Protein backbone atom coordinates (compact mmCIF):
# COMPACT_ATOMS: atom_id res chain seq x y z
CA MET A 1 60.56 -113.15 24.69
CA THR A 2 57.87 -111.00 23.43
CA LYS A 3 55.52 -112.37 20.09
CA LEU A 4 53.87 -110.69 17.84
CA THR A 5 51.23 -112.49 15.44
CA PHE A 6 49.64 -110.30 12.72
CA LEU A 7 46.15 -111.33 12.78
CA GLY A 8 45.24 -108.58 9.86
CA THR A 9 47.93 -106.49 7.44
CA GLY A 10 45.11 -105.02 4.67
CA THR A 11 43.82 -101.51 4.71
CA SER A 12 40.32 -100.59 6.31
CA GLN A 13 38.88 -102.51 3.19
CA GLY A 14 40.91 -105.21 3.73
CA VAL A 15 42.11 -107.32 0.44
CA PRO A 16 40.86 -108.56 -1.66
CA ILE A 17 38.12 -105.23 -2.00
CA ILE A 18 34.88 -106.13 -2.52
CA GLY A 19 34.27 -106.28 -6.65
CA CYS A 20 37.73 -105.71 -7.36
CA GLN A 21 39.31 -107.82 -10.84
CA CYS A 22 42.91 -105.87 -10.07
CA GLU A 23 45.93 -108.87 -9.96
CA VAL A 24 46.24 -108.19 -5.98
CA CYS A 25 43.02 -108.91 -5.58
CA LYS A 26 42.43 -111.89 -7.70
CA SER A 27 45.94 -113.84 -6.30
CA ALA A 28 46.08 -117.31 -5.20
CA ASP A 29 48.70 -116.12 -2.69
CA SER A 30 47.56 -116.72 0.64
CA LYS A 31 49.75 -113.78 1.28
CA ASP A 32 47.40 -111.27 -0.38
CA LYS A 33 44.36 -111.99 1.55
CA ARG A 34 44.37 -109.51 4.26
CA TYR A 35 42.31 -109.07 7.09
CA ARG A 36 41.76 -105.38 8.61
CA SER A 37 44.78 -104.48 10.64
CA SER A 38 45.19 -106.12 14.09
CA ALA A 39 48.13 -107.91 15.78
CA LEU A 40 48.25 -110.45 18.89
CA VAL A 41 51.29 -109.91 21.03
CA GLU A 42 52.40 -112.70 23.93
CA TYR A 43 53.99 -110.44 26.26
CA GLU A 44 54.72 -111.15 30.15
CA GLY A 45 53.07 -113.90 30.14
CA MET A 46 49.85 -112.12 28.85
CA THR A 47 47.80 -112.39 25.44
CA ILE A 48 46.51 -108.48 24.64
CA LEU A 49 45.25 -107.61 21.55
CA VAL A 50 46.02 -104.35 19.24
CA ASP A 51 42.88 -103.04 17.77
CA ALA A 52 39.36 -105.69 17.36
CA GLY A 53 38.28 -104.38 13.68
CA PRO A 54 35.34 -106.32 11.45
CA ASP A 55 37.36 -109.35 11.01
CA PHE A 56 37.99 -109.92 15.13
CA ARG A 57 35.91 -113.01 15.31
CA SER A 58 37.51 -114.66 11.79
CA GLN A 59 41.23 -113.54 13.50
CA MET A 60 40.35 -114.90 16.91
CA LEU A 61 38.93 -118.40 14.99
CA ALA A 62 41.62 -118.66 12.59
CA HIS A 63 44.57 -118.80 15.32
CA ASP A 64 42.04 -120.76 18.19
CA VAL A 65 42.75 -117.57 20.34
CA ARG A 66 41.16 -118.50 23.54
CA HIS A 67 41.99 -115.82 26.18
CA LEU A 68 42.75 -112.41 26.38
CA ASP A 69 43.84 -110.58 29.29
CA ALA A 70 43.38 -106.69 27.30
CA ILE A 71 42.97 -105.13 23.95
CA LEU A 72 44.65 -101.96 23.32
CA LEU A 73 42.89 -99.29 20.95
CA THR A 74 44.85 -97.38 18.30
CA HIS A 75 41.97 -94.78 17.56
CA ASN A 76 38.35 -95.03 16.95
CA HIS A 77 38.45 -95.80 13.39
CA LYS A 78 35.82 -98.74 12.75
CA ASP A 79 38.61 -100.70 10.64
CA HIS A 80 39.74 -101.07 14.56
CA THR A 81 36.99 -100.91 16.71
CA GLY A 82 34.63 -102.75 15.05
CA GLY A 83 34.31 -105.71 16.30
CA LEU A 84 34.39 -105.30 20.26
CA ASP A 85 31.19 -106.31 20.24
CA ASP A 86 32.52 -109.93 19.81
CA VAL A 87 34.59 -110.23 23.71
CA ARG A 88 31.00 -110.94 24.71
CA SER A 89 32.72 -114.74 23.85
CA PHE A 90 35.95 -114.22 25.74
CA ASN A 91 33.19 -112.61 28.96
CA TYR A 92 31.36 -116.11 28.63
CA ILE A 93 34.59 -118.15 28.48
CA ASP A 94 37.15 -116.23 30.97
CA ARG A 95 33.66 -115.02 33.27
CA GLN A 96 35.88 -111.43 32.92
CA ALA A 97 34.55 -108.45 31.42
CA ALA A 98 37.34 -107.52 28.81
CA GLU A 99 39.99 -105.25 30.14
CA ILE A 100 39.99 -102.38 27.25
CA PHE A 101 42.90 -99.64 27.05
CA CYS A 102 42.29 -96.46 25.14
CA GLU A 103 41.77 -92.45 25.32
CA GLU A 104 39.24 -90.22 26.20
CA ARG A 105 38.65 -89.59 22.51
CA VAL A 106 37.83 -93.34 21.67
CA LEU A 107 35.39 -93.81 24.80
CA GLN A 108 33.45 -91.14 23.28
CA THR A 109 33.55 -92.72 20.49
CA LEU A 110 32.45 -96.03 21.95
CA ARG A 111 29.76 -94.84 23.80
CA VAL A 112 27.78 -93.93 20.61
CA GLU A 113 28.49 -96.89 18.71
CA TYR A 114 28.28 -99.34 21.03
CA SER A 115 25.47 -97.62 23.01
CA TYR A 116 24.04 -100.53 24.90
CA ALA A 117 26.75 -101.47 26.39
CA PHE A 118 26.61 -98.58 28.86
CA ALA A 119 23.21 -98.27 28.62
CA GLU A 120 22.22 -98.76 32.73
CA HIS A 121 19.81 -101.56 32.20
CA LYS A 122 21.61 -103.40 29.42
CA TYR A 123 19.93 -106.07 27.32
CA PRO A 124 21.21 -109.70 28.40
CA GLY A 125 24.22 -110.70 26.58
CA ALA A 126 25.47 -107.29 25.95
CA PRO A 127 29.65 -107.30 26.16
CA GLU A 128 30.88 -106.75 29.31
CA TRP A 129 34.02 -103.89 29.67
CA HIS A 130 36.38 -102.55 31.88
CA ILE A 131 37.43 -99.24 29.95
CA HIS A 132 41.31 -98.23 31.39
CA LEU A 133 41.90 -94.84 29.90
CA ILE A 134 45.68 -93.90 28.35
CA ASP A 135 47.63 -90.80 26.68
CA GLU A 136 51.24 -90.58 25.83
CA ARG A 137 52.75 -91.95 29.39
CA PRO A 138 53.47 -95.24 29.63
CA PHE A 139 51.09 -97.67 31.69
CA HIS A 140 50.98 -100.91 32.88
CA VAL A 141 48.87 -103.88 32.11
CA GLU A 142 48.07 -106.47 34.45
CA ALA A 143 47.01 -110.39 33.55
CA LEU A 144 43.29 -110.53 34.06
CA HIS A 145 42.66 -113.86 35.71
CA GLY A 146 41.25 -113.12 39.78
CA LYS A 147 39.63 -109.16 38.76
CA GLY A 148 36.19 -110.31 39.81
CA GLU A 149 34.20 -113.46 38.21
CA LEU A 150 31.26 -112.86 36.09
CA GLU A 151 27.73 -115.02 36.32
CA TRP A 152 25.64 -115.22 33.69
CA VAL A 153 21.95 -115.14 34.93
CA HIS A 154 19.97 -116.53 32.52
CA ASP A 155 17.88 -113.79 30.27
CA ILE A 156 18.94 -111.41 32.91
CA GLY A 157 22.27 -110.64 32.27
CA TYR A 158 25.84 -110.76 33.71
CA PHE A 159 26.39 -109.94 37.71
CA TYR A 160 29.18 -110.51 40.04
CA ARG A 161 29.26 -113.00 43.28
CA GLN A 162 29.64 -111.21 46.43
CA PRO A 163 30.89 -112.48 49.24
CA ASP A 164 27.77 -112.61 51.05
CA GLY A 165 26.19 -114.78 48.08
CA SER A 166 24.21 -111.70 47.13
CA LEU A 167 24.86 -111.20 43.19
CA LYS A 168 25.74 -107.09 41.92
CA PRO A 169 24.70 -106.03 38.52
CA SER A 170 27.99 -105.69 36.02
CA ASP A 171 28.87 -102.14 34.86
CA ASN A 172 31.41 -101.16 32.11
CA ALA A 173 33.20 -99.02 34.77
CA VAL A 174 35.78 -96.35 33.41
CA GLN A 175 39.33 -95.56 35.27
CA GLU A 176 42.47 -94.32 34.60
CA ALA A 177 45.01 -96.52 33.52
CA SER A 178 48.14 -97.08 36.23
CA HIS A 179 51.01 -95.56 35.89
CA GLU A 180 52.68 -97.60 38.43
CA HIS A 181 55.15 -100.10 37.54
CA PRO A 182 54.82 -99.56 33.67
CA ASN A 183 55.22 -102.12 30.90
CA ILE A 184 53.42 -100.58 27.66
CA ILE A 185 54.67 -97.50 26.14
CA PRO A 186 52.39 -95.22 23.93
CA ILE A 187 54.00 -94.01 20.58
CA ARG A 188 52.43 -90.76 19.86
CA GLY A 189 51.40 -89.84 15.98
CA LEU A 190 49.02 -88.45 13.63
CA HIS A 191 46.33 -89.95 11.48
CA GLY A 192 45.83 -87.15 9.21
CA GLN A 193 44.82 -84.35 11.75
CA MET A 194 43.92 -87.16 14.47
CA PRO A 195 46.23 -88.13 17.56
CA VAL A 196 46.49 -91.70 17.29
CA LEU A 197 48.58 -94.02 19.37
CA GLY A 198 51.19 -97.18 19.03
CA PHE A 199 52.49 -99.65 21.34
CA ARG A 200 55.78 -100.77 22.46
CA PHE A 201 56.09 -104.34 23.88
CA GLY A 202 60.19 -104.63 25.07
CA LYS A 203 61.66 -104.61 21.99
CA ILE A 204 58.78 -104.74 19.20
CA ALA A 205 56.85 -101.84 18.43
CA TYR A 206 53.58 -102.01 16.26
CA ILE A 207 52.86 -98.90 14.70
CA THR A 208 49.51 -98.18 12.61
CA ASP A 209 47.66 -95.87 10.66
CA MET A 210 49.85 -92.91 11.09
CA SER A 211 50.89 -89.98 8.11
CA LYS A 212 53.14 -88.20 10.93
CA LEU A 213 55.69 -89.39 13.65
CA PRO A 214 57.38 -86.23 15.76
CA GLU A 215 61.03 -86.05 16.21
CA SER A 216 59.90 -86.26 19.72
CA GLU A 217 58.87 -89.89 19.79
CA LEU A 218 62.48 -91.10 18.13
CA SER A 219 63.34 -91.74 21.92
CA LYS A 220 61.09 -94.25 22.65
CA LEU A 221 62.02 -96.02 19.87
CA ARG A 222 65.05 -96.70 20.36
CA GLY A 223 67.04 -100.24 20.54
CA LEU A 224 63.99 -102.11 18.79
CA GLU A 225 64.51 -105.75 17.09
CA HIS A 226 61.05 -105.06 15.04
CA VAL A 227 59.04 -101.93 14.10
CA THR A 228 56.02 -102.65 12.05
CA LEU A 229 55.10 -99.35 10.18
CA ASN A 230 51.77 -98.75 8.00
CA THR A 231 52.12 -98.22 4.27
CA VAL A 232 49.05 -97.94 1.94
CA SER A 233 50.96 -96.39 -1.26
CA TYR A 234 53.27 -95.74 -3.38
CA HIS A 235 52.19 -92.22 -3.79
CA PRO A 236 51.39 -89.24 -0.26
CA HIS A 237 48.22 -89.99 1.23
CA HIS A 238 45.94 -87.27 3.70
CA SER A 239 46.66 -90.02 6.48
CA HIS A 240 48.77 -92.67 5.99
CA PHE A 241 52.63 -92.80 5.64
CA SER A 242 53.55 -93.30 1.84
CA LEU A 243 56.22 -95.85 1.01
CA ASP A 244 58.93 -93.75 0.56
CA GLU A 245 57.90 -92.02 4.74
CA ALA A 246 57.76 -95.42 5.81
CA LEU A 247 61.04 -96.12 4.90
CA GLU A 248 62.51 -92.86 5.65
CA LEU A 249 61.06 -93.35 8.78
CA ALA A 250 62.44 -96.88 9.41
CA GLY A 251 65.75 -95.38 8.84
CA LYS A 252 65.61 -93.24 11.51
CA ILE A 253 64.09 -95.86 13.54
CA GLY A 254 67.34 -97.68 13.01
CA ALA A 255 65.51 -101.43 14.19
CA ARG A 256 66.83 -104.41 13.18
CA HIS A 257 63.50 -105.72 10.89
CA THR A 258 60.86 -103.13 9.69
CA TRP A 259 57.51 -105.07 8.84
CA LEU A 260 55.02 -102.94 7.01
CA THR A 261 51.07 -103.31 7.38
CA HIS A 262 48.00 -101.50 6.35
CA LEU A 263 48.70 -102.79 3.01
CA SER A 264 46.73 -101.66 0.27
CA HIS A 265 45.73 -103.16 -3.31
CA ALA A 266 48.26 -100.33 -4.56
CA PHE A 267 51.22 -102.74 -4.03
CA PRO A 268 51.81 -105.78 -6.39
CA ARG A 269 51.76 -109.23 -5.19
CA HIS A 270 53.29 -110.06 -2.08
CA GLU A 271 56.51 -112.14 -3.74
CA GLU A 272 56.79 -109.08 -6.42
CA PHE A 273 56.46 -106.28 -3.43
CA CYS A 274 59.58 -108.11 -1.41
CA ARG A 275 61.99 -108.00 -4.44
CA GLN A 276 61.22 -104.05 -4.56
CA LEU A 277 62.02 -103.25 -1.04
CA PRO A 278 65.84 -102.60 0.63
CA PRO A 279 67.19 -104.96 3.21
CA GLY A 280 65.90 -105.25 6.44
CA VAL A 281 62.49 -104.04 5.09
CA GLN A 282 59.39 -106.67 4.09
CA PRO A 283 55.84 -106.76 3.96
CA ALA A 284 54.28 -108.27 6.86
CA TYR A 285 51.03 -110.55 6.36
CA ASP A 286 48.16 -112.52 7.69
CA GLY A 287 50.22 -114.95 10.47
CA LEU A 288 52.90 -113.93 10.21
CA VAL A 289 55.01 -114.25 13.92
CA ILE A 290 57.86 -112.12 14.46
CA SER A 291 60.00 -112.05 18.10
CA ALA A 292 62.13 -111.03 20.34
CA GLU A 293 64.10 -111.53 23.65
């Protein structure tokens, strides 16, 4: 069984947008309140987060998430990476470094935006990450436990206890992801001119922040129970699918259920938007849970 929970279904500004007085932003319907886009996937006994944006902390608390086996990053925009500092809480609770899977270009952005996490002499309490570099090839993710226990030394930072009892300073290691026994399939698309990734977990695929999906990728999306596609407007957009483009792509993919995410306040309130969409297509909302065998 694969289960996906939508932690956030809004655009880079979320919904409501600060200062906006439109009908959607002022709606009292909880389904119109949207954190930045992110998803929690329960798959093969693991808990996997897709994207950790600025609402990461609130999303983890709202869903009582107490453990993560891996974090997959679709791309390097701040609304998808801006919460990574807060993995510190999982470092402390799990006594493990966070396993982050991303492309090389995303890593280069993290090195700039979170330079303190990669410093030779880190500030005590800086987030502990293991980076696994991925590309279009299917890759392997496994459960976190047993990969090395962190120990916190007050006012100094994290260390790994060695067999002889000594403490070895931690490092935010970078390595290639394993492609043996792959269990996650990346989906390559373009976000404007930027290459980005979606991911397939069994019979559920999660795609966000795309404006183009090459025909060559469609074969990776056959036989799905659920697919998530992004759209921000009725009108063409430079880096996201318009609604018509998302619906056309949904028809090509042919999943039993299509869920729209990364939604802006350009669409009507949730209840009205549902009535506008064809059978098998619905707007996702924060807290929605979907599952597939």
